[in-house]
Amino acid sequence: MAARAYWQGQIRLALVSIPVEVYSATKSGASISFHQIHEPSGKRIKYEKVVPGIGPVDRDEILKGFEYEKGEYVLLDEKEIEGVKLDSKRTLELTQFVDYTDIDPIYYDKPYYVVPADDLAEEAFIVLREALRRAKKVGIGQLALRGREYAVSLKPCGRGLVMETLRYADEVNKAAGYFREIPDDNPDADLLDLATTLIEKKTGKFDASEFHDRYVDALRALIDRKRKAKGGRKIIEEEDTPAQSRGSNVVDLMAALKKSLERPDAKTSKAVKTTPAKDAPAPRKTAARRSTASRKRA
């Protein structure tokens, strides 16, 4: 395997230890990188590590410091940090098994592929994989990776296993604080039927290849136009797209849903055409709902 293992160690299930290698399952997508430029000279800005009153310093003079009081630090070098002993640095012990649906998707962080480290580990690896598949369970344990310990899940994935780091409970904001102001009303039955029909017409199998980063494409197009214009500092303005009128707070939802079902693309199963804009101004919608609700109560 050409890729370099992200982690090497063993999975432990009771008295059984399985040597494995872990590889990152994801990679960085297309992106646009910018440098900071000094406009008058057109030259790139550089950064130096400096100490107040001393000036620039060499990298080998830099240590990591933990501030325990204002201006007071405990200094640690990399060898001391690496020397911290933790069993989960080399061993992923499966301490619990749960149903797939027991873990809320919001806790999943980053996926990794897990493979047997050698031929001798294959038999035990396959037994664990198939046992998890038959039981329809996810293994849970903890693993130390690059400076911190993660809770992780382990489940079958094709011929191998996929491990996913999990967020801890204190890393996830409670949803109630954001959803509290949303009314707990029962929707109109006819509106619900129309919305359900629209969803069914647009239902299909997820295909990740249908999605791409349109923002990166737009940036590339802008950079290309500016390069061809040969005016590095000239501002190129985009044509304004007419903003969609919000109208009044009272929207004819029935008419809008019926019109959506009549559109030709209502029968397509490609999710890319139905993905809502991520920058939709949710606070205003919430305010609109409150205003409507208050008029109803009045």
C-alpha atoms as a PDB file:
ATOM      1  CA  MET A   1       0.000   0.000   0.000  1.00  0.00           C
ATOM      2  CA  ALA A   2       1.543   3.268  -1.173  1.00  0.00           C
ATOM      3  CA  ALA A   3      -0.014   5.508   1.454  1.00  0.00           C
ATOM      4  CA  ARG A   4       1.721   5.980   4.785  1.00  0.00           C
ATOM      5  CA  ALA A   5      -0.115   4.651   7.828  1.00  0.00           C
ATOM      6  CA  TYR A   6      -1.544   7.376  10.069  1.00  0.00           C
ATOM      7  CA  TRP A   7      -1.337   5.053  13.100  1.00  0.00           C
ATOM      8  CA  GLN A   8       0.017   1.575  13.783  1.00  0.00           C
ATOM      9  CA  GLY A   9      -0.882  -0.530  16.787  1.00  0.00           C
ATOM     10  CA  GLN A  10      -3.356  -3.177  17.828  1.00  0.00           C
ATOM     11  CA  ILE A  11      -7.050  -3.636  18.413  1.00  0.00           C
ATOM     12  CA  ARG A  12      -7.719  -5.509  21.628  1.00  0.00           C
ATOM     13  CA  LEU A  13     -10.906  -7.478  22.262  1.00  0.00           C
ATOM     14  CA  ALA A  14     -10.647  -9.108  25.686  1.00  0.00           C
ATOM     15  CA  LEU A  15      -7.535 -11.337  25.377  1.00  0.00           C
ATOM     16  CA  VAL A  16      -7.339 -11.108  21.576  1.00  0.00           C
ATOM     17  CA  SER A  17      -4.939  -8.557  20.050  1.00  0.00           C
ATOM     18  CA  ILE A  18      -5.013  -7.774  16.324  1.00  0.00           C
ATOM     19  CA  PRO A  19      -2.119  -5.782  14.793  1.00  0.00           C
ATOM     20  CA  VAL A  20      -3.582  -3.131  12.454  1.00  0.00           C
ATOM     21  CA  GLU A  21      -2.699  -0.085  10.440  1.00  0.00           C
ATOM     22  CA  VAL A  22      -4.926   2.979  10.204  1.00  0.00           C
ATOM     23  CA  TYR A  23      -5.098   5.228   7.133  1.00  0.00           C
ATOM     24  CA  SER A  24      -6.920   8.505   6.625  1.00  0.00           C
ATOM     25  CA  ALA A  25     -10.127   7.890   4.657  1.00  0.00           C
ATOM     26  CA  THR A  26     -10.426  11.477   3.430  1.00  0.00           C
ATOM     27  CA  LYS A  27      -8.256  14.024   1.659  1.00  0.00           C
ATOM     28  CA  SER A  28      -8.351  17.749   1.102  1.00  0.00           C
ATOM     29  CA  GLY A  29     -10.553  18.826  -1.773  1.00  0.00           C
ATOM     30  CA  ALA A  30      -9.963  21.554  -4.320  1.00  0.00           C
ATOM     31  CA  SER A  31      -9.205  24.881  -2.695  1.00  0.00           C
ATOM     32  CA  ILE A  32      -7.808  28.311  -3.497  1.00  0.00           C
ATOM     33  CA  SER A  33      -4.848  29.536  -1.436  1.00  0.00           C
ATOM     34  CA  PHE A  34      -4.054  33.214  -1.097  1.00  0.00           C
ATOM     35  CA  HIS A  35      -0.885  34.999   0.044  1.00  0.00           C
ATOM     36  CA  GLN A  36      -0.802  38.379   1.738  1.00  0.00           C
ATOM     37  CA  ILE A  37       0.777  40.947  -0.559  1.00  0.00           C
ATOM     38  CA  HIS A  38       2.167  44.415   0.168  1.00  0.00           C
ATOM     39  CA  GLU A  39       0.150  46.394  -2.405  1.00  0.00           C
ATOM     40  CA  PRO A  40       2.589  49.305  -3.083  1.00  0.00           C
ATOM     41  CA  SER A  41       5.514  46.962  -3.868  1.00  0.00           C
ATOM     42  CA  GLY A  42       3.564  43.892  -5.001  1.00  0.00           C
ATOM     43  CA  LYS A  43       5.804  41.705  -2.825  1.00  0.00           C
ATOM     44  CA  ARG A  44       4.719  38.891  -0.522  1.00  0.00           C
ATOM     45  CA  ILE A  45       4.574  39.544   3.220  1.00  0.00           C
ATOM     46  CA  LYS A  46       6.764  37.300   5.390  1.00  0.00           C
ATOM     47  CA  TYR A  47       6.384  36.465   9.054  1.00  0.00           C
ATOM     48  CA  GLU A  48       9.116  36.086  11.652  1.00  0.00           C
ATOM     49  CA  LYS A  49       8.972  34.631  15.162  1.00  0.00           C
ATOM     50  CA  VAL A  50      10.106  37.411  17.484  1.00  0.00           C
ATOM     51  CA  VAL A  51      10.505  37.992  21.228  1.00  0.00           C
ATOM     52  CA  PRO A  52       9.597  41.480  22.498  1.00  0.00           C
ATOM     53  CA  GLY A  53      12.806  43.357  23.313  1.00  0.00           C
ATOM     54  CA  ILE A  54      14.985  40.661  21.726  1.00  0.00           C
ATOM     55  CA  GLY A  55      13.865  40.351  18.116  1.00  0.00           C
ATOM     56  CA  PRO A  56      13.841  37.352  15.739  1.00  0.00           C
ATOM     57  CA  VAL A  57      14.728  33.961  17.268  1.00  0.00           C
ATOM     58  CA  ASP A  58      15.854  30.600  15.856  1.00  0.00           C
ATOM     59  CA  ARG A  59      13.423  27.672  15.728  1.00  0.00           C
ATOM     60  CA  ASP A  60      15.675  25.509  17.921  1.00  0.00           C
ATOM     61  CA  GLU A  61      15.298  28.067  20.734  1.00  0.00           C
ATOM     62  CA  ILE A  62      11.512  27.608  20.868  1.00  0.00           C
ATOM     63  CA  LEU A  63       9.775  25.331  23.401  1.00  0.00           C
ATOM     64  CA  LYS A  64       6.119  24.778  24.216  1.00  0.00           C
ATOM     65  CA  GLY A  65       4.898  26.529  27.331  1.00  0.00           C
ATOM     66  CA  PHE A  66       1.790  26.171  29.491  1.00  0.00           C
ATOM     67  CA  GLU A  67       0.760  29.413  31.186  1.00  0.00           C
ATOM     68  CA  TYR A  68      -0.257  28.540  34.769  1.00  0.00           C
ATOM     69  CA  GLU A  69      -0.239  32.189  35.905  1.00  0.00           C
ATOM     70  CA  LYS A  70      -0.123  35.454  34.010  1.00  0.00           C
ATOM     71  CA  GLY A  71       3.337  35.554  32.403  1.00  0.00           C
ATOM     72  CA  GLU A  72       4.494  32.351  34.153  1.00  0.00           C
ATOM     73  CA  TYR A  73       5.049  29.212  32.058  1.00  0.00           C
ATOM     74  CA  VAL A  74       5.943  25.549  32.479  1.00  0.00           C
ATOM     75  CA  LEU A  75       8.257  24.698  29.555  1.00  0.00           C
ATOM     76  CA  LEU A  76       8.090  21.337  27.769  1.00  0.00           C
ATOM     77  CA  ASP A  77      10.082  20.004  24.840  1.00  0.00           C
ATOM     78  CA  GLU A  78       8.764  17.534  22.248  1.00  0.00           C
ATOM     79  CA  LYS A  79      10.535  14.519  23.816  1.00  0.00           C
ATOM     80  CA  GLU A  80       8.842  15.143  27.170  1.00  0.00           C
ATOM     81  CA  ILE A  81       5.441  15.420  25.511  1.00  0.00           C
ATOM     82  CA  GLU A  82       6.009  12.267  23.451  1.00  0.00           C
ATOM     83  CA  GLY A  83       7.111  10.457  26.612  1.00  0.00           C
ATOM     84  CA  VAL A  84       3.690  10.770  28.258  1.00  0.00           C
ATOM     85  CA  LYS A  85       2.614   7.158  28.792  1.00  0.00           C
ATOM     86  CA  LEU A  86      -0.891   6.175  27.756  1.00  0.00           C
ATOM     87  CA  ASP A  87      -1.994   2.646  26.841  1.00  0.00           C
ATOM     88  CA  SER A  88      -4.215   3.975  24.065  1.00  0.00           C
ATOM     89  CA  LYS A  89      -1.151   5.286  22.221  1.00  0.00           C
ATOM     90  CA  ARG A  90      -0.504   1.795  20.923  1.00  0.00           C
ATOM     91  CA  THR A  91      -3.718  -0.093  21.693  1.00  0.00           C
ATOM     92  CA  LEU A  92      -7.351   0.458  20.785  1.00  0.00           C
ATOM     93  CA  GLU A  93      -9.274  -1.566  23.365  1.00  0.00           C
ATOM     94  CA  LEU A  94     -12.914  -2.161  22.478  1.00  0.00           C
ATOM     95  CA  THR A  95     -14.708  -1.657  25.780  1.00  0.00           C
ATOM     96  CA  GLN A  96     -18.312  -1.362  24.624  1.00  0.00           C
ATOM     97  CA  PHE A  97     -20.600  -2.302  21.711  1.00  0.00           C
ATOM     98  CA  VAL A  98     -23.673  -0.319  20.685  1.00  0.00           C
ATOM     99  CA  ASP A  99     -26.306  -0.346  17.932  1.00  0.00           C
ATOM    100  CA  TYR A 100     -25.572   1.703  14.803  1.00  0.00           C
ATOM    101  CA  THR A 101     -28.457   4.040  15.602  1.00  0.00           C
ATOM    102  CA  ASP A 102     -27.312   4.691  19.182  1.00  0.00           C
ATOM    103  CA  ILE A 103     -24.687   7.229  18.087  1.00  0.00           C
ATOM    104  CA  ASP A 104     -26.117  10.551  16.910  1.00  0.00           C
ATOM    105  CA  PRO A 105     -24.394  11.562  13.630  1.00  0.00           C
ATOM    106  CA  ILE A 106     -23.414  14.890  15.206  1.00  0.00           C
ATOM    107  CA  TYR A 107     -20.816  13.048  17.326  1.00  0.00           C
ATOM    108  CA  TYR A 108     -18.945  11.609  14.323  1.00  0.00           C
ATOM    109  CA  ASP A 109     -15.812  13.557  13.460  1.00  0.00           C
ATOM    110  CA  LYS A 110     -13.306  12.021  11.018  1.00  0.00           C
ATOM    111  CA  PRO A 111     -13.143   8.579   9.339  1.00  0.00           C
ATOM    112  CA  TYR A 112     -10.137   6.273   8.943  1.00  0.00           C
ATOM    113  CA  TYR A 113      -9.682   2.958   7.150  1.00  0.00           C
ATOM    114  CA  VAL A 114      -8.394   0.067   9.282  1.00  0.00           C
ATOM    115  CA  VAL A 115      -6.562  -2.915   7.724  1.00  0.00           C
ATOM    116  CA  PRO A 116      -4.648  -5.896   9.165  1.00  0.00           C
ATOM    117  CA  ALA A 117      -0.970  -5.103   9.643  1.00  0.00           C
ATOM    118  CA  ASP A 118       0.232  -8.430   8.158  1.00  0.00           C
ATOM    119  CA  ASP A 119      -0.923 -11.848   6.940  1.00  0.00           C
ATOM    120  CA  LEU A 120      -0.857 -13.305  10.455  1.00  0.00           C
ATOM    121  CA  ALA A 121      -3.378 -10.711  11.635  1.00  0.00           C
ATOM    122  CA  GLU A 122      -5.864 -11.362   8.829  1.00  0.00           C
ATOM    123  CA  GLU A 123      -7.785 -14.265  10.396  1.00  0.00           C
ATOM    124  CA  ALA A 124      -8.518 -12.478  13.664  1.00  0.00           C
ATOM    125  CA  PHE A 125      -9.281  -9.266  11.756  1.00  0.00           C
ATOM    126  CA  ILE A 126     -11.869 -11.027   9.560  1.00  0.00           C
ATOM    127  CA  VAL A 127     -13.462 -12.711  12.587  1.00  0.00           C
ATOM    128  CA  LEU A 128     -13.885  -9.325  14.298  1.00  0.00           C
ATOM    129  CA  ARG A 129     -15.251  -7.728  11.117  1.00  0.00           C
ATOM    130  CA  GLU A 130     -17.841 -10.429  10.522  1.00  0.00           C
ATOM    131  CA  ALA A 131     -18.835 -10.631  14.193  1.00  0.00           C
ATOM    132  CA  LEU A 132     -19.567  -6.878  14.169  1.00  0.00           C
ATOM    133  CA  ARG A 133     -21.490  -7.252  10.907  1.00  0.00           C
ATOM    134  CA  ARG A 134     -23.579 -10.178  12.181  1.00  0.00           C
ATOM    135  CA  ALA A 135     -24.350  -8.464  15.481  1.00  0.00           C
ATOM    136  CA  LYS A 136     -25.036  -5.128  13.702  1.00  0.00           C
ATOM    137  CA  LYS A 137     -22.999  -3.418  16.380  1.00  0.00           C
ATOM    138  CA  VAL A 138     -20.370  -0.667  16.533  1.00  0.00           C
ATOM    139  CA  GLY A 139     -17.304  -1.156  18.725  1.00  0.00           C
ATOM    140  CA  ILE A 140     -16.341   1.748  21.006  1.00  0.00           C
ATOM    141  CA  GLY A 141     -12.945   2.490  22.534  1.00  0.00           C
ATOM    142  CA  GLN A 142     -10.388   5.252  23.046  1.00  0.00           C
ATOM    143  CA  LEU A 143      -7.241   6.003  21.084  1.00  0.00           C
ATOM    144  CA  ALA A 144      -4.440   8.540  21.497  1.00  0.00           C
ATOM    145  CA  LEU A 145      -3.623  10.312  18.225  1.00  0.00           C
ATOM    146  CA  ARG A 146      -1.204  13.203  17.801  1.00  0.00           C
ATOM    147  CA  GLY A 147      -1.526  15.069  21.034  1.00  0.00           C
ATOM    148  CA  ARG A 148      -4.929  14.022  22.390  1.00  0.00           C
ATOM    149  CA  GLU A 149      -7.055  10.994  23.211  1.00  0.00           C
ATOM    150  CA  TYR A 150     -10.204  10.380  21.180  1.00  0.00           C
ATOM    151  CA  ALA A 151     -13.266   8.253  21.707  1.00  0.00           C
ATOM    152  CA  VAL A 152     -13.584   6.183  18.518  1.00  0.00           C
ATOM    153  CA  SER A 153     -16.079   3.865  16.875  1.00  0.00           C
ATOM    154  CA  LEU A 154     -15.268   0.801  14.777  1.00  0.00           C
ATOM    155  CA  LYS A 155     -17.563  -0.858  12.240  1.00  0.00           C
ATOM    156  CA  PRO A 156     -17.359  -3.039   9.103  1.00  0.00           C
ATOM    157  CA  CYS A 157     -16.701  -1.367   5.757  1.00  0.00           C
ATOM    158  CA  GLY A 158     -16.460  -3.684   2.746  1.00  0.00           C
ATOM    159  CA  ARG A 159     -13.535  -6.040   3.347  1.00  0.00           C
ATOM    160  CA  GLY A 160     -12.084  -3.848   6.060  1.00  0.00           C
ATOM    161  CA  LEU A 161     -13.126  -1.728   9.012  1.00  0.00           C
ATOM    162  CA  VAL A 162     -13.741   1.976   9.317  1.00  0.00           C
ATOM    163  CA  MET A 163     -12.782   3.819  12.484  1.00  0.00           C
ATOM    164  CA  GLU A 164     -14.291   7.211  13.227  1.00  0.00           C
ATOM    165  CA  THR A 165     -13.153   9.646  15.882  1.00  0.00           C
ATOM    166  CA  LEU A 166     -16.037  10.849  18.037  1.00  0.00           C
ATOM    167  CA  ARG A 167     -16.619  14.218  19.616  1.00  0.00           C
ATOM    168  CA  TYR A 168     -16.912  14.233  23.405  1.00  0.00           C
ATOM    169  CA  ALA A 169     -20.191  15.374  24.979  1.00  0.00           C
ATOM    170  CA  ASP A 170     -18.700  18.720  26.053  1.00  0.00           C
ATOM    171  CA  GLU A 171     -17.700  19.441  22.440  1.00  0.00           C
ATOM    172  CA  VAL A 172     -21.288  19.384  21.162  1.00  0.00           C
ATOM    173  CA  ASN A 173     -23.637  22.311  21.766  1.00  0.00           C
ATOM    174  CA  LYS A 174     -27.032  21.383  23.132  1.00  0.00           C
ATOM    175  CA  ALA A 175     -29.652  21.649  20.400  1.00  0.00           C
ATOM    176  CA  ALA A 176     -32.371  22.872  22.768  1.00  0.00           C
ATOM    177  CA  GLY A 177     -30.749  26.283  23.060  1.00  0.00           C
ATOM    178  CA  TYR A 178     -31.128  26.818  19.313  1.00  0.00           C
ATOM    179  CA  PHE A 179     -34.506  25.145  18.753  1.00  0.00           C
ATOM    180  CA  ARG A 180     -36.340  26.481  21.818  1.00  0.00           C
ATOM    181  CA  GLU A 181     -38.085  29.321  19.961  1.00  0.00           C
ATOM    182  CA  ILE A 182     -39.432  27.086  17.175  1.00  0.00           C
ATOM    183  CA  PRO A 183     -43.163  26.410  17.732  1.00  0.00           C
ATOM    184  CA  ASP A 184     -44.134  22.801  18.427  1.00  0.00           C
ATOM    185  CA  ASP A 185     -47.182  22.979  16.159  1.00  0.00           C
ATOM    186  CA  ASN A 186     -48.829  20.278  14.041  1.00  0.00           C
ATOM    187  CA  PRO A 187     -48.672  21.287  10.355  1.00  0.00           C
ATOM    188  CA  ASP A 188     -51.687  21.461   8.075  1.00  0.00           C
ATOM    189  CA  ALA A 189     -52.388  17.951   6.748  1.00  0.00           C
ATOM    190  CA  ASP A 190     -52.711  19.053   3.101  1.00  0.00           C
ATOM    191  CA  LEU A 191     -49.477  21.048   3.239  1.00  0.00           C
ATOM    192  CA  LEU A 192     -47.718  18.079   4.818  1.00  0.00           C
ATOM    193  CA  ASP A 193     -48.977  15.761   2.066  1.00  0.00           C
ATOM    194  CA  LEU A 194     -47.724  18.132  -0.656  1.00  0.00           C
ATOM    195  CA  ALA A 195     -44.322  18.511   0.996  1.00  0.00           C
ATOM    196  CA  THR A 196     -44.041  14.721   1.409  1.00  0.00           C
ATOM    197  CA  THR A 197     -44.927  14.195  -2.260  1.00  0.00           C
ATOM    198  CA  LEU A 198     -42.282  16.708  -3.317  1.00  0.00           C
ATOM    199  CA  ILE A 199     -39.669  14.898  -1.202  1.00  0.00           C
ATOM    200  CA  GLU A 200     -40.648  11.536  -2.683  1.00  0.00           C
ATOM    201  CA  LYS A 201     -40.340  12.874  -6.246  1.00  0.00           C
ATOM    202  CA  LYS A 202     -36.838  14.125  -5.505  1.00  0.00           C
ATOM    203  CA  THR A 203     -35.696  11.008  -3.660  1.00  0.00           C
ATOM    204  CA  GLY A 204     -32.758   9.035  -5.065  1.00  0.00           C
ATOM    205  CA  LYS A 205     -29.518   7.319  -4.108  1.00  0.00           C
ATOM    206  CA  PHE A 206     -26.777   9.547  -2.737  1.00  0.00           C
ATOM    207  CA  ASP A 207     -23.858   9.950  -5.143  1.00  0.00           C
ATOM    208  CA  ALA A 208     -21.012  12.065  -3.770  1.00  0.00           C
ATOM    209  CA  SER A 209     -19.650  12.617  -7.296  1.00  0.00           C
ATOM    210  CA  GLU A 210     -22.691  14.777  -8.090  1.00  0.00           C
ATOM    211  CA  PHE A 211     -21.427  17.464  -5.733  1.00  0.00           C
ATOM    212  CA  HIS A 212     -18.472  19.785  -6.170  1.00  0.00           C
ATOM    213  CA  ASP A 213     -17.258  23.026  -4.624  1.00  0.00           C
ATOM    214  CA  ARG A 214     -18.937  25.713  -6.731  1.00  0.00           C
ATOM    215  CA  TYR A 215     -17.315  28.470  -4.658  1.00  0.00           C
ATOM    216  CA  VAL A 216     -13.845  27.277  -5.714  1.00  0.00           C
ATOM    217  CA  ASP A 217     -15.005  27.204  -9.344  1.00  0.00           C
ATOM    218  CA  ALA A 218     -16.282  30.780  -9.071  1.00  0.00           C
ATOM    219  CA  LEU A 219     -13.006  31.948  -7.484  1.00  0.00           C
ATOM    220  CA  ARG A 220     -10.984  30.283 -10.253  1.00  0.00           C
ATOM    221  CA  ALA A 221     -13.141  32.019 -12.866  1.00  0.00           C
ATOM    222  CA  LEU A 222     -12.625  35.384 -11.146  1.00  0.00           C
ATOM    223  CA  ILE A 223      -8.846  34.846 -10.956  1.00  0.00           C
ATOM    224  CA  ASP A 224      -8.764  33.845 -14.628  1.00  0.00           C
ATOM    225  CA  ARG A 225     -10.723  36.950 -15.700  1.00  0.00           C
ATOM    226  CA  LYS A 226      -8.486  39.192 -13.647  1.00  0.00           C
ATOM    227  CA  ARG A 227      -5.311  37.584 -15.038  1.00  0.00           C
ATOM    228  CA  LYS A 228      -6.548  38.034 -18.613  1.00  0.00           C
ATOM    229  CA  ALA A 229      -7.495  41.642 -17.861  1.00  0.00           C
ATOM    230  CA  LYS A 230      -3.834  42.237 -16.907  1.00  0.00           C
ATOM    231  CA  GLY A 231      -4.878  44.533 -14.126  1.00  0.00           C
ATOM    232  CA  GLY A 232      -3.789  43.002 -10.857  1.00  0.00           C
ATOM    233  CA  ARG A 233      -5.324  45.761  -8.742  1.00  0.00           C
ATOM    234  CA  LYS A 234      -8.416  46.514 -10.819  1.00  0.00           C
ATOM    235  CA  ILE A 235     -11.665  45.574  -9.108  1.00  0.00           C
ATOM    236  CA  ILE A 236     -13.819  43.286 -11.248  1.00  0.00           C
ATOM    237  CA  GLU A 237     -17.441  43.609 -10.243  1.00  0.00           C
ATOM    238  CA  GLU A 238     -19.902  40.775 -10.589  1.00  0.00           C
ATOM    239  CA  GLU A 239     -23.334  41.406 -12.051  1.00  0.00           C
ATOM    240  CA  ASP A 240     -25.846  41.643  -9.261  1.00  0.00           C
ATOM    241  CA  THR A 241     -28.394  38.852  -9.107  1.00  0.00           C
ATOM    242  CA  PRO A 242     -31.847  40.230  -8.308  1.00  0.00           C
ATOM    243  CA  ALA A 243     -32.618  39.445  -4.693  1.00  0.00           C
ATOM    244  CA  GLN A 244     -35.628  37.249  -4.125  1.00  0.00           C
ATOM    245  CA  SER A 245     -38.387  39.286  -2.572  1.00  0.00           C
ATOM    246  CA  ARG A 246     -39.522  38.039   0.801  1.00  0.00           C
ATOM    247  CA  GLY A 247     -42.930  39.689   0.524  1.00  0.00           C
ATOM    248  CA  SER A 248     -45.097  39.637   3.583  1.00  0.00           C
ATOM    249  CA  ASN A 249     -44.746  37.254   6.519  1.00  0.00           C
ATOM    250  CA  VAL A 250     -47.840  35.398   5.335  1.00  0.00           C
ATOM    251  CA  VAL A 251     -46.705  33.201   2.422  1.00  0.00           C
ATOM    252  CA  ASP A 252     -49.083  31.182   0.243  1.00  0.00           C
ATOM    253  CA  LEU A 253     -47.293  27.938   1.057  1.00  0.00           C
ATOM    254  CA  MET A 254     -49.916  25.781  -0.632  1.00  0.00           C
ATOM    255  CA  ALA A 255     -49.468  27.567  -3.968  1.00  0.00           C
ATOM    256  CA  ALA A 256     -45.676  27.447  -3.674  1.00  0.00           C
ATOM    257  CA  LEU A 257     -45.650  23.693  -3.024  1.00  0.00           C
ATOM    258  CA  LYS A 258     -48.064  22.987  -5.879  1.00  0.00           C
ATOM    259  CA  LYS A 259     -45.956  25.102  -8.243  1.00  0.00           C
ATOM    260  CA  SER A 260     -42.826  23.227  -7.131  1.00  0.00           C
ATOM    261  CA  LEU A 261     -44.454  19.899  -8.003  1.00  0.00           C
ATOM    262  CA  GLU A 262     -45.348  21.197 -11.475  1.00  0.00           C
ATOM    263  CA  ARG A 263     -41.763  22.161 -12.305  1.00  0.00           C
ATOM    264  CA  PRO A 264     -39.925  19.808 -14.692  1.00  0.00           C
ATOM    265  CA  ASP A 265     -37.054  19.265 -12.277  1.00  0.00           C
ATOM    266  CA  ALA A 266     -39.449  18.135  -9.531  1.00  0.00           C
ATOM    267  CA  LYS A 267     -39.111  14.578 -10.835  1.00  0.00           C
ATOM    268  CA  THR A 268     -35.309  14.502 -10.782  1.00  0.00           C
ATOM    269  CA  SER A 269     -33.516  12.459  -8.136  1.00  0.00           C
ATOM    270  CA  LYS A 270     -30.310  14.477  -8.219  1.00  0.00           C
ATOM    271  CA  ALA A 271     -29.910  15.977  -4.765  1.00  0.00           C
ATOM    272  CA  VAL A 272     -27.585  18.689  -6.049  1.00  0.00           C
ATOM    273  CA  LYS A 273     -30.599  20.509  -7.507  1.00  0.00           C
ATOM    274  CA  THR A 274     -32.516  20.431  -4.276  1.00  0.00           C
ATOM    275  CA  THR A 275     -29.841  21.399  -1.762  1.00  0.00           C
ATOM    276  CA  PRO A 276     -30.945  24.570   0.075  1.00  0.00           C
ATOM    277  CA  ALA A 277     -28.581  27.507   0.311  1.00  0.00           C
ATOM    278  CA  LYS A 278     -26.360  27.189   3.359  1.00  0.00           C
ATOM    279  CA  ASP A 279     -26.347  30.941   3.929  1.00  0.00           C
ATOM    280  CA  ALA A 280     -30.126  31.241   4.305  1.00  0.00           C
ATOM    281  CA  PRO A 281     -30.781  33.932   6.928  1.00  0.00           C
ATOM    282  CA  ALA A 282     -32.298  31.721   9.611  1.00  0.00           C
ATOM    283  CA  PRO A 283     -32.612  34.463  12.289  1.00  0.00           C
ATOM    284  CA  ARG A 284     -34.972  36.479  10.059  1.00  0.00           C
ATOM    285  CA  LYS A 285     -37.124  33.426   9.358  1.00  0.00           C
ATOM    286  CA  THR A 286     -37.376  32.814  13.078  1.00  0.00           C
ATOM    287  CA  ALA A 287     -38.367  36.420  13.633  1.00  0.00           C
ATOM    288  CA  ALA A 288     -40.985  36.135  10.903  1.00  0.00           C
ATOM    289  CA  ARG A 289     -42.436  33.043  12.554  1.00  0.00           C
ATOM    290  CA  ARG A 290     -42.626  34.808  15.893  1.00  0.00           C
ATOM    291  CA  SER A 291     -44.378  37.791  14.300  1.00  0.00           C
ATOM    292  CA  THR A 292     -46.933  35.538  12.597  1.00  0.00           C
ATOM    293  CA  ALA A 293     -47.509  33.528  15.763  1.00  0.00           C
ATOM    294  CA  SER A 294     -48.010  36.694  17.813  1.00  0.00           C
ATOM    295  CA  ARG A 295     -50.651  37.969  15.362  1.00  0.00           C
ATOM    296  CA  LYS A 296     -52.492  34.630  15.573  1.00  0.00           C
ATOM    297  CA  ARG A 297     -52.537  34.830  19.371  1.00  0.00           C
ATOM    298  CA  ALA A 298     -53.764  38.405  19.189  1.00  0.00           C
END
